[in-house]
Amino acid sequence: MSLSVFYSLGRFVLDRTITYSQASLILARTLVSFFRLSFFNHAVARVLIRQIYFTAIQALPAIFITALLLGSILVNYLLSVLTGLNAYDRIGEFIIFINLYELGPIIALLTMLIRSGSAVISEIALMKLSGEIDTLIFLNIELPDYVFLPRLLAFVISGPALSFVFCLTSLIGGFLVLGYFHNITFDNYIYQITSAISIKDLVISFFKPVVMSLVLISICLQKGMSVQQSFTEVPVKLIQGFMHTLGVIIFVEIIFVLI
């Protein structure tokens, strides 16, 4: 019994150590390609544009609908709580904090994880199993330049962009609720929002989805490259990628809370 516990614990630690170390190596190699300005290559640029379209543009309808619903629910809930506490004048501060710090980055990340993260793992795994990765290596084409870099840049661009779109749409949904229940004017609503926001909020709301996006794409690339022999490994790597990403994201969330 004790041996099985130690074996399971060892496998757990070893699996995550290998995942995170290999993901860090992929990220480091890709950053080297970035500083070499490899994205100016026409072939890499075409892949980058295609990845941005799939990761960001095609995700916009889901972001819009989710933001409107959550923005309305959030404001309705805050209204009931803050009115009971006689702190209605602080609603702008709470809306900004929850949207920019929490909901925006997390919803953007989950959307990319479910849609694009799973697609990247499957695509890289199929490229490896079909021999396309070996062909690129044989032709002396650098994997960080052609395979890793456009996908990493697409995630880094799409993360803050989707988070910003979510926050903006959520604020619109919040105004609809406030305007309906409290007859607040748009000017007053904008004043409450702008008076509550600061440069620090904008900086954190940008860097948080960037860091989360880097973590997400690094783990997805590692999981895709870790497939060895069979197509049956792909769904296993998908599940592992989801779990490892969520674990690191919780750690990143704690770090930003402490900051």
C-alpha atoms as a PDB file:
ATOM      1  CA  MET A   1       0.000   0.000   0.000  1.00  0.00           C
ATOM      2  CA  SER A   2       2.742   2.444   0.974  1.00  0.00           C
ATOM      3  CA  LEU A   3       4.767   1.567  -2.146  1.00  0.00           C
ATOM      4  CA  SER A   4       1.816   2.325  -4.419  1.00  0.00           C
ATOM      5  CA  VAL A   5       1.339   5.698  -2.727  1.00  0.00           C
ATOM      6  CA  PHE A   6       5.015   6.588  -3.201  1.00  0.00           C
ATOM      7  CA  TYR A   7       4.883   5.356  -6.798  1.00  0.00           C
ATOM      8  CA  SER A   8       1.834   7.492  -7.585  1.00  0.00           C
ATOM      9  CA  LEU A   9       3.369  10.516  -5.871  1.00  0.00           C
ATOM     10  CA  GLY A  10       6.601  10.045  -7.767  1.00  0.00           C
ATOM     11  CA  ARG A  11       4.801   9.754 -11.097  1.00  0.00           C
ATOM     12  CA  PHE A  12       2.790  12.877 -10.271  1.00  0.00           C
ATOM     13  CA  VAL A  13       5.877  14.956  -9.442  1.00  0.00           C
ATOM     14  CA  LEU A  14       7.926  13.581 -12.348  1.00  0.00           C
ATOM     15  CA  ASP A  15       5.167  14.170 -14.882  1.00  0.00           C
ATOM     16  CA  ARG A  16       4.762  17.804 -13.900  1.00  0.00           C
ATOM     17  CA  THR A  17       8.485  18.415 -13.620  1.00  0.00           C
ATOM     18  CA  ILE A  18       9.057  17.110 -17.147  1.00  0.00           C
ATOM     19  CA  THR A  19       6.062  19.038 -18.497  1.00  0.00           C
ATOM     20  CA  TYR A  20       7.044  22.374 -17.015  1.00  0.00           C
ATOM     21  CA  SER A  21      10.766  22.023 -17.781  1.00  0.00           C
ATOM     22  CA  GLN A  22      10.122  21.097 -21.415  1.00  0.00           C
ATOM     23  CA  ALA A  23       7.511  23.858 -21.740  1.00  0.00           C
ATOM     24  CA  SER A  24      10.032  26.354 -20.349  1.00  0.00           C
ATOM     25  CA  LEU A  25      12.625  25.157 -22.866  1.00  0.00           C
ATOM     26  CA  ILE A  26      10.147  25.555 -25.743  1.00  0.00           C
ATOM     27  CA  LEU A  27       9.293  29.047 -24.513  1.00  0.00           C
ATOM     28  CA  ALA A  28      12.978  30.013 -24.267  1.00  0.00           C
ATOM     29  CA  ARG A  29      13.740  28.733 -27.788  1.00  0.00           C
ATOM     30  CA  THR A  30      10.708  30.545 -29.177  1.00  0.00           C
ATOM     31  CA  LEU A  31      11.697  33.818 -27.531  1.00  0.00           C
ATOM     32  CA  VAL A  32      15.109  33.505 -29.171  1.00  0.00           C
ATOM     33  CA  SER A  33      13.325  33.176 -32.522  1.00  0.00           C
ATOM     34  CA  PHE A  34      11.241  36.220 -31.683  1.00  0.00           C
ATOM     35  CA  PHE A  35      14.293  38.377 -30.972  1.00  0.00           C
ATOM     36  CA  ARG A  36      15.780  37.179 -34.264  1.00  0.00           C
ATOM     37  CA  LEU A  37      12.652  38.740 -35.868  1.00  0.00           C
ATOM     38  CA  SER A  38      11.747  35.449 -37.508  1.00  0.00           C
ATOM     39  CA  PHE A  39       8.093  36.542 -37.725  1.00  0.00           C
ATOM     40  CA  PHE A  40       9.025  38.783 -40.671  1.00  0.00           C
ATOM     41  CA  ASN A  41       9.528  35.655 -42.764  1.00  0.00           C
ATOM     42  CA  HIS A  42       6.631  35.382 -45.240  1.00  0.00           C
ATOM     43  CA  ALA A  43       5.880  31.747 -44.415  1.00  0.00           C
ATOM     44  CA  VAL A  44       5.877  32.450 -40.675  1.00  0.00           C
ATOM     45  CA  ALA A  45       3.740  35.587 -41.150  1.00  0.00           C
ATOM     46  CA  ARG A  46       1.087  33.612 -43.061  1.00  0.00           C
ATOM     47  CA  VAL A  47       0.871  31.043 -40.269  1.00  0.00           C
ATOM     48  CA  LEU A  48       0.712  33.860 -37.693  1.00  0.00           C
ATOM     49  CA  ILE A  49      -2.192  35.600 -39.447  1.00  0.00           C
ATOM     50  CA  ARG A  50      -4.066  32.316 -39.726  1.00  0.00           C
ATOM     51  CA  GLN A  51      -3.504  31.562 -36.040  1.00  0.00           C
ATOM     52  CA  ILE A  52      -4.662  35.042 -34.956  1.00  0.00           C
ATOM     53  CA  TYR A  53      -7.805  34.646 -37.050  1.00  0.00           C
ATOM     54  CA  PHE A  54      -8.638  31.312 -35.448  1.00  0.00           C
ATOM     55  CA  THR A  55      -7.628  32.251 -31.893  1.00  0.00           C
ATOM     56  CA  ALA A  56      -9.034  35.785 -31.656  1.00  0.00           C
ATOM     57  CA  ILE A  57     -11.432  36.655 -34.479  1.00  0.00           C
ATOM     58  CA  GLN A  58     -13.433  33.427 -34.448  1.00  0.00           C
ATOM     59  CA  ALA A  59     -13.702  33.578 -30.636  1.00  0.00           C
ATOM     60  CA  LEU A  60     -15.330  37.026 -30.622  1.00  0.00           C
ATOM     61  CA  PRO A  61     -18.995  35.855 -30.752  1.00  0.00           C
ATOM     62  CA  ALA A  62     -18.500  33.654 -27.690  1.00  0.00           C
ATOM     63  CA  ILE A  63     -16.705  36.488 -25.877  1.00  0.00           C
ATOM     64  CA  PHE A  64     -19.478  38.982 -26.730  1.00  0.00           C
ATOM     65  CA  ILE A  65     -22.304  36.751 -25.507  1.00  0.00           C
ATOM     66  CA  THR A  66     -20.461  35.678 -22.343  1.00  0.00           C
ATOM     67  CA  ALA A  67     -19.476  39.263 -21.501  1.00  0.00           C
ATOM     68  CA  LEU A  68     -22.997  40.622 -21.906  1.00  0.00           C
ATOM     69  CA  LEU A  69     -24.466  37.885 -19.717  1.00  0.00           C
ATOM     70  CA  LEU A  70     -21.796  38.009 -17.025  1.00  0.00           C
ATOM     71  CA  GLY A  71     -21.680  41.810 -17.066  1.00  0.00           C
ATOM     72  CA  SER A  72     -25.415  41.994 -16.464  1.00  0.00           C
ATOM     73  CA  ILE A  73     -25.325  39.347 -13.736  1.00  0.00           C
ATOM     74  CA  LEU A  74     -22.285  40.956 -12.087  1.00  0.00           C
ATOM     75  CA  VAL A  75     -23.820  44.431 -11.915  1.00  0.00           C
ATOM     76  CA  ASN A  76     -27.150  43.082 -10.708  1.00  0.00           C
ATOM     77  CA  TYR A  77     -25.386  41.180  -7.919  1.00  0.00           C
ATOM     78  CA  LEU A  78     -23.166  44.137  -6.984  1.00  0.00           C
ATOM     79  CA  LEU A  79     -26.180  46.438  -6.875  1.00  0.00           C
ATOM     80  CA  SER A  80     -27.962  44.244  -4.348  1.00  0.00           C
ATOM     81  CA  VAL A  81     -24.849  43.861  -2.156  1.00  0.00           C
ATOM     82  CA  LEU A  82     -23.586  47.451  -2.267  1.00  0.00           C
ATOM     83  CA  THR A  83     -27.062  48.929  -1.835  1.00  0.00           C
ATOM     84  CA  GLY A  84     -27.491  46.813   1.289  1.00  0.00           C
ATOM     85  CA  LEU A  85     -24.136  48.092   2.568  1.00  0.00           C
ATOM     86  CA  ASN A  86     -25.030  51.682   1.660  1.00  0.00           C
ATOM     87  CA  ALA A  87     -21.986  51.816  -0.656  1.00  0.00           C
ATOM     88  CA  TYR A  88     -23.658  52.368  -4.015  1.00  0.00           C
ATOM     89  CA  ASP A  89     -21.127  55.078  -4.943  1.00  0.00           C
ATOM     90  CA  ARG A  90     -18.340  52.445  -5.068  1.00  0.00           C
ATOM     91  CA  ILE A  91     -19.951  50.316  -7.753  1.00  0.00           C
ATOM     92  CA  GLY A  92     -17.592  51.661 -10.450  1.00  0.00           C
ATOM     93  CA  GLU A  93     -14.573  50.585  -8.393  1.00  0.00           C
ATOM     94  CA  PHE A  94     -15.892  47.050  -7.951  1.00  0.00           C
ATOM     95  CA  ILE A  95     -16.901  46.689 -11.600  1.00  0.00           C
ATOM     96  CA  ILE A  96     -13.434  47.749 -12.759  1.00  0.00           C
ATOM     97  CA  PHE A  97     -11.643  45.487 -10.271  1.00  0.00           C
ATOM     98  CA  ILE A  98     -13.660  42.355 -11.053  1.00  0.00           C
ATOM     99  CA  ASN A  99     -13.649  42.870 -14.825  1.00  0.00           C
ATOM    100  CA  LEU A 100     -10.044  43.944 -15.398  1.00  0.00           C
ATOM    101  CA  TYR A 101      -8.351  41.828 -12.746  1.00  0.00           C
ATOM    102  CA  GLU A 102     -10.379  38.639 -12.740  1.00  0.00           C
ATOM    103  CA  LEU A 103     -13.192  37.982 -15.191  1.00  0.00           C
ATOM    104  CA  GLY A 104     -11.589  39.421 -18.324  1.00  0.00           C
ATOM    105  CA  PRO A 105      -8.266  37.530 -18.216  1.00  0.00           C
ATOM    106  CA  ILE A 106      -9.795  34.293 -16.930  1.00  0.00           C
ATOM    107  CA  ILE A 107     -12.652  34.145 -19.461  1.00  0.00           C
ATOM    108  CA  ALA A 108     -10.245  34.997 -22.284  1.00  0.00           C
ATOM    109  CA  LEU A 109      -7.874  32.269 -21.117  1.00  0.00           C
ATOM    110  CA  LEU A 110     -10.602  29.632 -20.764  1.00  0.00           C
ATOM    111  CA  THR A 111     -11.915  30.489 -24.223  1.00  0.00           C
ATOM    112  CA  MET A 112      -8.454  30.089 -25.748  1.00  0.00           C
ATOM    113  CA  LEU A 113      -7.810  26.923 -23.746  1.00  0.00           C
ATOM    114  CA  ILE A 114     -11.002  25.199 -24.868  1.00  0.00           C
ATOM    115  CA  ARG A 115     -10.881  26.340 -28.498  1.00  0.00           C
ATOM    116  CA  SER A 116      -7.321  27.096 -29.540  1.00  0.00           C
ATOM    117  CA  GLY A 117      -5.352  25.215 -26.896  1.00  0.00           C
ATOM    118  CA  SER A 118      -6.968  21.898 -27.792  1.00  0.00           C
ATOM    119  CA  ALA A 119      -6.496  22.693 -31.491  1.00  0.00           C
ATOM    120  CA  VAL A 120      -2.773  23.406 -31.019  1.00  0.00           C
ATOM    121  CA  ILE A 121      -2.192  20.168 -29.100  1.00  0.00           C
ATOM    122  CA  SER A 122      -4.050  18.132 -31.727  1.00  0.00           C
ATOM    123  CA  GLU A 123      -2.388  19.919 -34.659  1.00  0.00           C
ATOM    124  CA  ILE A 124       1.176  19.569 -33.332  1.00  0.00           C
ATOM    125  CA  ALA A 125       0.538  15.946 -32.346  1.00  0.00           C
ATOM    126  CA  LEU A 126      -0.779  15.103 -35.831  1.00  0.00           C
ATOM    127  CA  MET A 127       2.166  16.913 -37.433  1.00  0.00           C
ATOM    128  CA  LYS A 128       4.521  14.767 -35.390  1.00  0.00           C
ATOM    129  CA  LEU A 129       2.723  11.476 -35.972  1.00  0.00           C
ATOM    130  CA  SER A 130       2.399  12.085 -39.712  1.00  0.00           C
ATOM    131  CA  GLY A 131       6.118  12.811 -40.020  1.00  0.00           C
ATOM    132  CA  GLU A 132       5.724  16.498 -40.865  1.00  0.00           C
ATOM    133  CA  ILE A 133       7.872  17.553 -37.903  1.00  0.00           C
ATOM    134  CA  ASP A 134      10.634  15.174 -39.028  1.00  0.00           C
ATOM    135  CA  THR A 135      10.374  16.574 -42.557  1.00  0.00           C
ATOM    136  CA  LEU A 136      10.822  20.134 -41.297  1.00  0.00           C
ATOM    137  CA  ILE A 137      13.878  19.054 -39.301  1.00  0.00           C
ATOM    138  CA  PHE A 138      15.269  17.202 -42.344  1.00  0.00           C
ATOM    139  CA  LEU A 139      14.830  20.340 -44.469  1.00  0.00           C
ATOM    140  CA  ASN A 140      16.745  22.310 -41.803  1.00  0.00           C
ATOM    141  CA  ILE A 141      13.676  24.448 -40.960  1.00  0.00           C
ATOM    142  CA  GLU A 142      13.802  25.594 -37.366  1.00  0.00           C
ATOM    143  CA  LEU A 143      10.759  24.421 -35.394  1.00  0.00           C
ATOM    144  CA  PRO A 144      10.782  27.475 -33.074  1.00  0.00           C
ATOM    145  CA  ASP A 145      10.617  29.735 -36.145  1.00  0.00           C
ATOM    146  CA  TYR A 146       7.923  28.023 -38.204  1.00  0.00           C
ATOM    147  CA  VAL A 147       5.911  25.939 -35.696  1.00  0.00           C
ATOM    148  CA  PHE A 148       6.228  27.527 -32.243  1.00  0.00           C
ATOM    149  CA  LEU A 149       6.627  31.275 -32.838  1.00  0.00           C
ATOM    150  CA  PRO A 150       3.449  32.049 -34.858  1.00  0.00           C
ATOM    151  CA  ARG A 151       1.285  30.162 -32.382  1.00  0.00           C
ATOM    152  CA  LEU A 152       2.933  31.811 -29.380  1.00  0.00           C
ATOM    153  CA  LEU A 153       2.544  35.293 -30.878  1.00  0.00           C
ATOM    154  CA  ALA A 154      -1.069  34.576 -31.785  1.00  0.00           C
ATOM    155  CA  PHE A 155      -1.857  33.641 -28.174  1.00  0.00           C
ATOM    156  CA  VAL A 156       0.063  36.590 -26.716  1.00  0.00           C
ATOM    157  CA  ILE A 157      -1.819  38.984 -29.014  1.00  0.00           C
ATOM    158  CA  SER A 158      -5.198  37.305 -28.599  1.00  0.00           C
ATOM    159  CA  GLY A 159      -5.092  37.059 -24.793  1.00  0.00           C
ATOM    160  CA  PRO A 160      -5.051  40.795 -23.965  1.00  0.00           C
ATOM    161  CA  ALA A 161      -7.253  41.571 -26.990  1.00  0.00           C
ATOM    162  CA  LEU A 162     -10.003  39.138 -25.961  1.00  0.00           C
ATOM    163  CA  SER A 163      -9.714  40.285 -22.350  1.00  0.00           C
ATOM    164  CA  PHE A 164     -10.153  43.919 -23.430  1.00  0.00           C
ATOM    165  CA  VAL A 165     -13.141  43.054 -25.628  1.00  0.00           C
ATOM    166  CA  PHE A 166     -14.700  41.109 -22.766  1.00  0.00           C
ATOM    167  CA  CYS A 167     -14.245  44.003 -20.314  1.00  0.00           C
ATOM    168  CA  LEU A 168     -15.635  46.562 -22.763  1.00  0.00           C
ATOM    169  CA  THR A 169     -18.667  44.434 -23.616  1.00  0.00           C
ATOM    170  CA  SER A 170     -19.214  43.597 -19.957  1.00  0.00           C
ATOM    171  CA  LEU A 171     -19.246  47.299 -19.106  1.00  0.00           C
ATOM    172  CA  ILE A 172     -21.919  47.812 -21.756  1.00  0.00           C
ATOM    173  CA  GLY A 173     -23.983  45.021 -20.219  1.00  0.00           C
ATOM    174  CA  GLY A 174     -23.489  46.620 -16.817  1.00  0.00           C
ATOM    175  CA  PHE A 175     -24.748  49.960 -18.099  1.00  0.00           C
ATOM    176  CA  LEU A 176     -27.880  48.315 -19.488  1.00  0.00           C
ATOM    177  CA  VAL A 177     -28.664  46.891 -16.043  1.00  0.00           C
ATOM    178  CA  LEU A 178     -27.877  50.143 -14.225  1.00  0.00           C
ATOM    179  CA  GLY A 179     -29.838  52.189 -16.710  1.00  0.00           C
ATOM    180  CA  TYR A 180     -32.860  49.914 -16.401  1.00  0.00           C
ATOM    181  CA  PHE A 181     -32.969  49.561 -12.611  1.00  0.00           C
ATOM    182  CA  HIS A 182     -31.568  52.898 -11.445  1.00  0.00           C
ATOM    183  CA  ASN A 183     -32.153  55.237 -14.364  1.00  0.00           C
ATOM    184  CA  ILE A 184     -28.464  56.202 -14.366  1.00  0.00           C
ATOM    185  CA  THR A 185     -27.236  58.336 -17.274  1.00  0.00           C
ATOM    186  CA  PHE A 186     -24.431  57.239 -19.561  1.00  0.00           C
ATOM    187  CA  ASP A 187     -22.328  60.258 -18.527  1.00  0.00           C
ATOM    188  CA  ASN A 188     -22.671  59.361 -14.852  1.00  0.00           C
ATOM    189  CA  TYR A 189     -21.823  55.730 -15.579  1.00  0.00           C
ATOM    190  CA  ILE A 190     -18.708  56.691 -17.561  1.00  0.00           C
ATOM    191  CA  TYR A 191     -17.675  59.050 -14.760  1.00  0.00           C
ATOM    192  CA  GLN A 192     -17.921  56.273 -12.162  1.00  0.00           C
ATOM    193  CA  ILE A 193     -15.859  53.946 -14.334  1.00  0.00           C
ATOM    194  CA  THR A 194     -13.140  56.441 -15.304  1.00  0.00           C
ATOM    195  CA  SER A 195     -12.799  57.786 -11.763  1.00  0.00           C
ATOM    196  CA  ALA A 196     -12.259  54.248 -10.455  1.00  0.00           C
ATOM    197  CA  ILE A 197      -9.672  53.151 -13.025  1.00  0.00           C
ATOM    198  CA  SER A 198      -5.948  53.860 -12.718  1.00  0.00           C
ATOM    199  CA  ILE A 199      -2.757  53.278 -14.696  1.00  0.00           C
ATOM    200  CA  LYS A 200      -1.933  50.369 -12.418  1.00  0.00           C
ATOM    201  CA  ASP A 201      -5.238  48.698 -13.314  1.00  0.00           C
ATOM    202  CA  LEU A 202      -4.508  49.038 -17.027  1.00  0.00           C
ATOM    203  CA  VAL A 203      -0.967  47.696 -16.665  1.00  0.00           C
ATOM    204  CA  ILE A 204      -2.052  44.646 -14.670  1.00  0.00           C
ATOM    205  CA  SER A 205      -5.016  44.004 -16.969  1.00  0.00           C
ATOM    206  CA  PHE A 206      -2.550  43.863 -19.884  1.00  0.00           C
ATOM    207  CA  PHE A 207       0.294  41.839 -18.369  1.00  0.00           C
ATOM    208  CA  LYS A 208      -1.900  39.281 -16.607  1.00  0.00           C
ATOM    209  CA  PRO A 209      -3.451  37.831 -19.814  1.00  0.00           C
ATOM    210  CA  VAL A 210      -0.018  38.033 -21.506  1.00  0.00           C
ATOM    211  CA  VAL A 211       1.560  35.877 -18.785  1.00  0.00           C
ATOM    212  CA  MET A 212      -1.402  33.478 -18.778  1.00  0.00           C
ATOM    213  CA  SER A 213      -1.284  33.194 -22.566  1.00  0.00           C
ATOM    214  CA  LEU A 214       2.447  32.408 -22.500  1.00  0.00           C
ATOM    215  CA  VAL A 215       1.844  29.665 -19.930  1.00  0.00           C
ATOM    216  CA  LEU A 216      -1.062  28.251 -21.928  1.00  0.00           C
ATOM    217  CA  ILE A 217       0.656  28.076 -25.309  1.00  0.00           C
ATOM    218  CA  SER A 218       3.934  26.742 -23.850  1.00  0.00           C
ATOM    219  CA  ILE A 219       2.178  23.807 -22.204  1.00  0.00           C
ATOM    220  CA  CYS A 220       0.030  23.156 -25.294  1.00  0.00           C
ATOM    221  CA  LEU A 221       3.113  23.046 -27.531  1.00  0.00           C
ATOM    222  CA  GLN A 222       4.876  20.746 -25.090  1.00  0.00           C
ATOM    223  CA  LYS A 223       1.933  18.362 -24.939  1.00  0.00           C
ATOM    224  CA  GLY A 224       1.667  18.252 -28.711  1.00  0.00           C
ATOM    225  CA  MET A 225       5.385  17.527 -29.091  1.00  0.00           C
ATOM    226  CA  SER A 226       5.296  14.842 -26.369  1.00  0.00           C
ATOM    227  CA  VAL A 227       3.117  12.500 -28.444  1.00  0.00           C
ATOM    228  CA  GLN A 228       5.282   9.544 -29.464  1.00  0.00           C
ATOM    229  CA  GLN A 229       3.667   6.642 -31.294  1.00  0.00           C
ATOM    230  CA  SER A 230      -0.112   6.534 -31.594  1.00  0.00           C
ATOM    231  CA  PHE A 231      -3.124   8.750 -32.313  1.00  0.00           C
ATOM    232  CA  THR A 232      -4.680   7.366 -29.132  1.00  0.00           C
ATOM    233  CA  GLU A 233      -2.209   9.498 -27.155  1.00  0.00           C
ATOM    234  CA  VAL A 234      -3.824  12.725 -28.413  1.00  0.00           C
ATOM    235  CA  PRO A 235      -6.911  12.776 -26.119  1.00  0.00           C
ATOM    236  CA  VAL A 236      -4.695  11.866 -23.160  1.00  0.00           C
ATOM    237  CA  LYS A 237      -2.393  14.792 -23.937  1.00  0.00           C
ATOM    238  CA  LEU A 238      -5.417  17.072 -24.298  1.00  0.00           C
ATOM    239  CA  ILE A 239      -6.641  16.217 -20.804  1.00  0.00           C
ATOM    240  CA  GLN A 240      -3.145  16.522 -19.350  1.00  0.00           C
ATOM    241  CA  GLY A 241      -2.680  19.871 -21.071  1.00  0.00           C
ATOM    242  CA  PHE A 242      -5.916  21.200 -19.585  1.00  0.00           C
ATOM    243  CA  MET A 243      -5.035  20.041 -16.087  1.00  0.00           C
ATOM    244  CA  HIS A 244      -1.437  21.295 -16.143  1.00  0.00           C
ATOM    245  CA  THR A 245      -2.504  24.657 -17.559  1.00  0.00           C
ATOM    246  CA  LEU A 246      -5.176  25.160 -14.916  1.00  0.00           C
ATOM    247  CA  GLY A 247      -2.682  24.290 -12.180  1.00  0.00           C
ATOM    248  CA  VAL A 248      -0.141  26.859 -13.378  1.00  0.00           C
ATOM    249  CA  ILE A 249      -2.851  29.470 -13.946  1.00  0.00           C
ATOM    250  CA  ILE A 250      -3.942  29.132 -10.311  1.00  0.00           C
ATOM    251  CA  PHE A 251      -0.312  29.753  -9.313  1.00  0.00           C
ATOM    252  CA  VAL A 252      -0.125  32.807 -11.611  1.00  0.00           C
ATOM    253  CA  GLU A 253      -3.400  34.078 -10.150  1.00  0.00           C
ATOM    254  CA  ILE A 254      -1.980  33.825  -6.623  1.00  0.00           C
ATOM    255  CA  ILE A 255       1.161  35.716  -7.691  1.00  0.00           C
ATOM    256  CA  PHE A 256      -0.897  38.576  -9.152  1.00  0.00           C
ATOM    257  CA  VAL A 257      -3.092  38.698  -6.060  1.00  0.00           C
ATOM    258  CA  LEU A 258       0.014  39.080  -3.918  1.00  0.00           C
ATOM    259  CA  ILE A 259       1.335  41.794  -6.243  1.00  0.00           C
END
